[in-house]
Amino acid sequence: MSSPQTLVADLPVIPNHAIQNQPRDAQPPLDEYYNSLFTTLGPQHWWPGKSPFEIIVGALLVQNTSWKNVEIAISNLRDARLLTPAAIRRVNLRRLQRLIRSSGYFRQKARKLKAFCAFLQAEYGGSLKRMFATPTIALREKLLGIWGIGPETADSILLYAGGHEVFVVDAYTKRLLQRHGWIDDKAKYDDMRWIFERRFPGNVELFNEFHALIVNVGKTWCRPQQPKCDECPLGRYLEEGR
């Protein structure tokens, strides 16, 4: 993953000539969305983690909880010297559950950690480097075959820990696109992912930053109830009819 300094250098505002030739009435103006958010909020330095494996652990623990709760769990694992795939494989399941209890659903999440580390050992001899050398499409299918890993978690692992060219879609992304009239409530995950990937093909750093900015928008302004559209940097697009 790029350092925060590199991200700032690599992600200036997007010039108009850099976007693909898509009709304005057919696709959301993602370049404008990104520029507005980055100008207002700046770089998000996301996903936090001291190693690719720590990022993977965070991706497995963050579902249905706040990042603050995940940080406590990761700190517990670090203090117990358990932030390696081999250590997670060896540790007693009940002890693992106790250490990650703050993240919620700790029994299921402990099982997810164990399942991922067993997969890593069986498929790649425990090597994340070998795993991430696998082509994106093939590795994504393998990750989705692990118990408890869905599309959002798989793509978070691919993008944030492995630098693969995928965009992460979450509830914040769907809410933003739906509120702005670009999708309906039946939109499928991969269709939403493709909206971003075809506009900025292969731009790993931008995928990273854009997703983090959308998360910030969802937490700050684009809330499920009583959204603060008049304060949001993207509010003017609603006023313009999108």
Protein backbone atom coordinates (compact mmCIF):
# COMPACT_ATOMS: atom_id res chain seq x y z
CA MET A 1 0.00 0.00 0.00
CA SER A 2 1.25 3.48 -0.80
CA SER A 3 2.26 5.77 2.02
CA PRO A 4 0.00 8.76 2.78
CA GLN A 5 2.58 11.04 1.17
CA THR A 6 2.55 9.01 -2.02
CA LEU A 7 -1.23 8.97 -2.09
CA VAL A 8 -1.38 12.75 -1.99
CA ALA A 9 1.19 13.00 -4.78
CA ASP A 10 -0.47 10.34 -6.91
CA LEU A 11 -4.02 11.62 -6.51
CA PRO A 12 -4.40 15.20 -7.73
CA VAL A 13 -7.76 16.38 -8.94
CA ILE A 14 -8.79 14.50 -12.06
CA PRO A 15 -8.64 16.52 -15.29
CA ASN A 16 -11.66 16.32 -17.54
CA HIS A 17 -9.70 14.71 -20.37
CA ALA A 18 -8.70 11.80 -18.12
CA ILE A 19 -12.15 10.25 -17.84
CA GLN A 20 -13.54 7.75 -20.29
CA ASN A 21 -15.99 8.78 -22.98
CA GLN A 22 -19.21 7.99 -21.13
CA PRO A 23 -22.43 9.92 -21.71
CA ARG A 24 -23.08 12.30 -18.84
CA ASP A 25 -26.70 11.19 -18.59
CA ALA A 26 -25.69 7.49 -18.42
CA GLN A 27 -23.15 7.42 -15.61
CA PRO A 28 -22.57 9.33 -12.38
CA PRO A 29 -19.94 12.09 -12.64
CA LEU A 30 -17.49 10.15 -10.50
CA ASP A 31 -14.58 12.40 -11.39
CA GLU A 32 -16.50 15.39 -10.01
CA TYR A 33 -17.63 13.45 -6.95
CA TYR A 34 -14.06 12.44 -6.20
CA ASN A 35 -12.64 15.93 -6.76
CA SER A 36 -15.28 17.50 -4.49
CA LEU A 37 -14.66 14.99 -1.71
CA PHE A 38 -10.87 15.03 -1.91
CA THR A 39 -10.78 18.83 -1.97
CA THR A 40 -13.05 19.02 1.10
CA LEU A 41 -11.77 16.09 3.16
CA GLY A 42 -8.22 15.47 1.98
CA PRO A 43 -6.45 12.08 2.07
CA GLN A 44 -8.01 9.51 4.42
CA HIS A 45 -4.93 7.28 5.00
CA TRP A 46 -7.09 4.18 4.85
CA TRP A 47 -6.87 1.18 5.41
CA PRO A 48 -4.88 1.44 8.66
CA GLY A 49 -2.55 -1.46 9.41
CA LYS A 50 1.11 -2.18 10.07
CA SER A 51 1.26 -5.17 7.73
CA PRO A 52 -0.84 -6.81 4.99
CA PHE A 53 -1.93 -9.49 7.44
CA GLU A 54 -3.05 -6.91 9.99
CA ILE A 55 -5.12 -5.26 7.25
CA ILE A 56 -6.69 -8.63 6.44
CA VAL A 57 -7.51 -9.19 10.10
CA GLY A 58 -9.15 -5.77 10.21
CA ALA A 59 -11.20 -6.56 7.10
CA LEU A 60 -12.43 -9.78 8.70
CA LEU A 61 -13.31 -8.13 12.00
CA VAL A 62 -14.87 -4.83 10.89
CA GLN A 63 -18.18 -6.18 9.60
CA ASN A 64 -21.14 -4.97 11.69
CA THR A 65 -19.05 -2.97 14.13
CA SER A 66 -17.10 0.27 14.45
CA TRP A 67 -13.41 0.57 13.67
CA LYS A 68 -12.76 1.61 17.28
CA ASN A 69 -13.92 -1.85 18.41
CA VAL A 70 -11.69 -3.49 15.81
CA GLU A 71 -8.70 -1.48 16.98
CA ILE A 72 -9.15 -2.89 20.49
CA ALA A 73 -9.27 -6.44 19.13
CA ILE A 74 -6.19 -5.93 16.96
CA SER A 75 -4.31 -4.39 19.88
CA ASN A 76 -5.17 -7.46 21.97
CA LEU A 77 -3.88 -9.76 19.24
CA ARG A 78 -0.70 -7.72 18.90
CA ASP A 79 -0.05 -7.79 22.64
CA ALA A 80 -0.58 -11.58 22.59
CA ARG A 81 1.85 -11.91 19.62
CA LEU A 82 -0.88 -13.40 17.46
CA LEU A 83 -0.77 -11.14 14.41
CA THR A 84 0.65 -13.76 12.07
CA PRO A 85 -1.18 -16.46 10.09
CA ALA A 86 0.78 -19.23 11.83
CA ALA A 87 -0.06 -17.86 15.28
CA ILE A 88 -3.77 -17.62 14.45
CA ARG A 89 -3.74 -21.22 13.22
CA ARG A 90 -2.14 -22.45 16.46
CA VAL A 91 -4.04 -20.41 19.06
CA ASN A 92 -6.86 -22.02 21.00
CA LEU A 93 -10.23 -21.00 19.54
CA ARG A 94 -11.67 -19.87 22.88
CA ARG A 95 -8.66 -17.71 23.59
CA LEU A 96 -8.96 -16.15 20.15
CA GLN A 97 -12.63 -15.42 20.79
CA ARG A 98 -11.79 -13.67 24.07
CA LEU A 99 -9.14 -11.51 22.44
CA ILE A 100 -11.44 -10.28 19.65
CA ARG A 101 -14.60 -10.02 21.76
CA SER A 102 -14.74 -6.21 21.36
CA SER A 103 -15.40 -6.60 17.61
CA GLY A 104 -18.76 -8.30 18.20
CA TYR A 105 -19.94 -11.61 16.71
CA PHE A 106 -16.63 -12.83 18.09
CA ARG A 107 -17.41 -16.55 17.71
CA GLN A 108 -18.12 -16.22 14.00
CA LYS A 109 -15.22 -13.83 13.47
CA ALA A 110 -12.77 -16.13 15.24
CA ARG A 111 -13.92 -18.88 12.92
CA LYS A 112 -13.37 -16.59 9.92
CA LEU A 113 -9.82 -15.84 11.03
CA LYS A 114 -9.11 -19.53 11.48
CA ALA A 115 -10.69 -20.36 8.10
CA PHE A 116 -8.66 -17.74 6.25
CA CYS A 117 -5.37 -18.83 7.84
CA ALA A 118 -6.12 -22.50 7.09
CA PHE A 119 -6.83 -21.54 3.47
CA LEU A 120 -3.61 -19.54 3.24
CA GLN A 121 -1.58 -22.47 4.51
CA ALA A 122 -3.31 -25.06 2.33
CA GLU A 123 -3.25 -23.04 -0.90
CA TYR A 124 -0.08 -20.96 -0.59
CA GLY A 125 2.04 -22.51 2.15
CA GLY A 126 1.16 -19.64 4.46
CA SER A 127 2.64 -17.00 2.12
CA LEU A 128 0.66 -13.82 1.51
CA LYS A 129 3.16 -12.87 -1.18
CA ARG A 130 2.33 -16.01 -3.13
CA MET A 131 -1.37 -15.50 -2.55
CA PHE A 132 -1.37 -11.94 -3.83
CA ALA A 133 0.66 -12.99 -6.89
CA THR A 134 -2.43 -14.91 -8.02
CA PRO A 135 -4.43 -13.16 -10.79
CA THR A 136 -7.22 -11.03 -9.35
CA ILE A 137 -10.18 -12.91 -10.82
CA ALA A 138 -8.87 -16.29 -9.68
CA LEU A 139 -7.92 -15.09 -6.21
CA ARG A 140 -11.25 -13.34 -5.72
CA GLU A 141 -13.09 -16.59 -6.44
CA LYS A 142 -10.86 -18.45 -3.98
CA LEU A 143 -11.46 -15.85 -1.26
CA LEU A 144 -15.21 -16.00 -1.81
CA GLY A 145 -14.98 -19.74 -1.23
CA ILE A 146 -13.71 -19.28 2.32
CA TRP A 147 -16.33 -19.61 5.05
CA GLY A 148 -17.67 -16.22 6.13
CA ILE A 149 -16.02 -14.12 3.41
CA GLY A 150 -18.38 -12.19 1.13
CA PRO A 151 -17.71 -9.80 -1.76
CA GLU A 152 -17.02 -6.69 0.34
CA THR A 153 -14.53 -8.47 2.60
CA ALA A 154 -12.86 -10.24 -0.32
CA ASP A 155 -12.44 -6.97 -2.21
CA SER A 156 -11.14 -5.19 0.90
CA ILE A 157 -8.46 -7.87 1.21
CA LEU A 158 -7.61 -7.64 -2.48
CA LEU A 159 -7.44 -3.85 -2.65
CA TYR A 160 -6.09 -2.77 0.72
CA ALA A 161 -3.81 -5.67 1.62
CA GLY A 162 -2.83 -6.83 -1.86
CA GLY A 163 -3.03 -3.78 -4.11
CA HIS A 164 -5.30 -5.54 -6.60
CA GLU A 165 -7.40 -3.51 -9.02
CA VAL A 166 -10.85 -3.82 -7.45
CA PHE A 167 -13.23 -1.25 -5.99
CA VAL A 168 -14.81 -2.00 -2.62
CA VAL A 169 -18.57 -1.50 -2.44
CA ASP A 170 -20.24 -1.17 0.94
CA ALA A 171 -23.50 0.11 2.39
CA TYR A 172 -22.23 3.70 2.19
CA THR A 173 -21.50 3.34 -1.53
CA LYS A 174 -24.92 1.87 -2.27
CA ARG A 175 -26.67 4.55 -0.22
CA LEU A 176 -24.85 7.36 -2.03
CA LEU A 177 -25.54 5.97 -5.51
CA GLN A 178 -29.16 5.25 -4.68
CA ARG A 179 -29.79 8.63 -3.06
CA HIS A 180 -28.35 10.35 -6.12
CA GLY A 181 -30.60 8.33 -8.42
CA TRP A 182 -28.01 6.17 -10.18
CA ILE A 183 -29.19 2.76 -8.92
CA ASP A 184 -32.27 1.28 -7.31
CA ASP A 185 -32.48 -0.82 -4.17
CA LYS A 186 -32.13 -4.04 -6.19
CA ALA A 187 -28.71 -3.15 -7.61
CA LYS A 188 -26.23 -6.02 -7.41
CA TYR A 189 -22.82 -5.73 -5.79
CA ASP A 190 -20.81 -6.41 -8.94
CA ASP A 191 -22.86 -3.93 -10.97
CA MET A 192 -22.06 -1.19 -8.46
CA ARG A 193 -18.39 -2.17 -8.42
CA TRP A 194 -18.26 -1.99 -12.20
CA ILE A 195 -19.55 1.61 -12.19
CA PHE A 196 -16.25 2.65 -10.56
CA GLU A 197 -13.91 0.16 -12.18
CA ARG A 198 -14.85 1.04 -15.75
CA ARG A 199 -14.47 4.77 -15.09
CA PHE A 200 -11.03 4.48 -13.48
CA PRO A 201 -9.62 1.18 -14.76
CA GLY A 202 -6.60 -0.10 -12.87
CA ASN A 203 -6.25 2.95 -10.60
CA VAL A 204 -5.55 1.17 -7.31
CA GLU A 205 -4.59 4.32 -5.38
CA LEU A 206 -7.75 6.12 -6.47
CA PHE A 207 -9.94 3.10 -5.62
CA ASN A 208 -8.38 3.13 -2.16
CA GLU A 209 -8.88 6.85 -1.58
CA PHE A 210 -12.33 7.10 -3.20
CA HIS A 211 -13.80 4.30 -1.10
CA ALA A 212 -12.41 5.85 2.09
CA LEU A 213 -13.90 9.23 1.14
CA ILE A 214 -17.29 7.65 0.53
CA VAL A 215 -17.15 6.00 3.96
CA ASN A 216 -16.47 9.42 5.48
CA VAL A 217 -19.42 10.91 3.59
CA GLY A 218 -21.70 8.11 4.77
CA LYS A 219 -20.75 8.59 8.40
CA THR A 220 -20.81 12.38 8.36
CA TRP A 221 -23.59 13.44 5.99
CA CYS A 222 -25.22 10.68 3.93
CA ARG A 223 -26.92 8.97 6.86
CA PRO A 224 -29.78 6.46 6.52
CA GLN A 225 -32.13 8.78 8.39
CA GLN A 226 -32.07 12.58 8.42
CA PRO A 227 -29.21 13.00 5.93
CA LYS A 228 -27.39 16.33 5.92
CA CYS A 229 -27.46 16.84 2.17
CA ASP A 230 -27.31 20.64 2.45
CA GLU A 231 -23.95 20.35 4.26
CA CYS A 232 -22.50 17.52 2.15
CA PRO A 233 -19.88 18.31 -0.54
CA LEU A 234 -22.02 16.26 -2.92
CA GLY A 235 -25.27 17.98 -2.03
CA ARG A 236 -25.13 20.28 -5.04
CA TYR A 237 -25.45 17.26 -7.35
CA LEU A 238 -28.82 16.48 -5.81
CA GLU A 239 -29.86 20.10 -6.37
CA GLU A 240 -28.84 19.80 -10.03
CA GLY A 241 -31.12 16.79 -10.47
CA ARG A 242 -28.72 13.98 -9.66
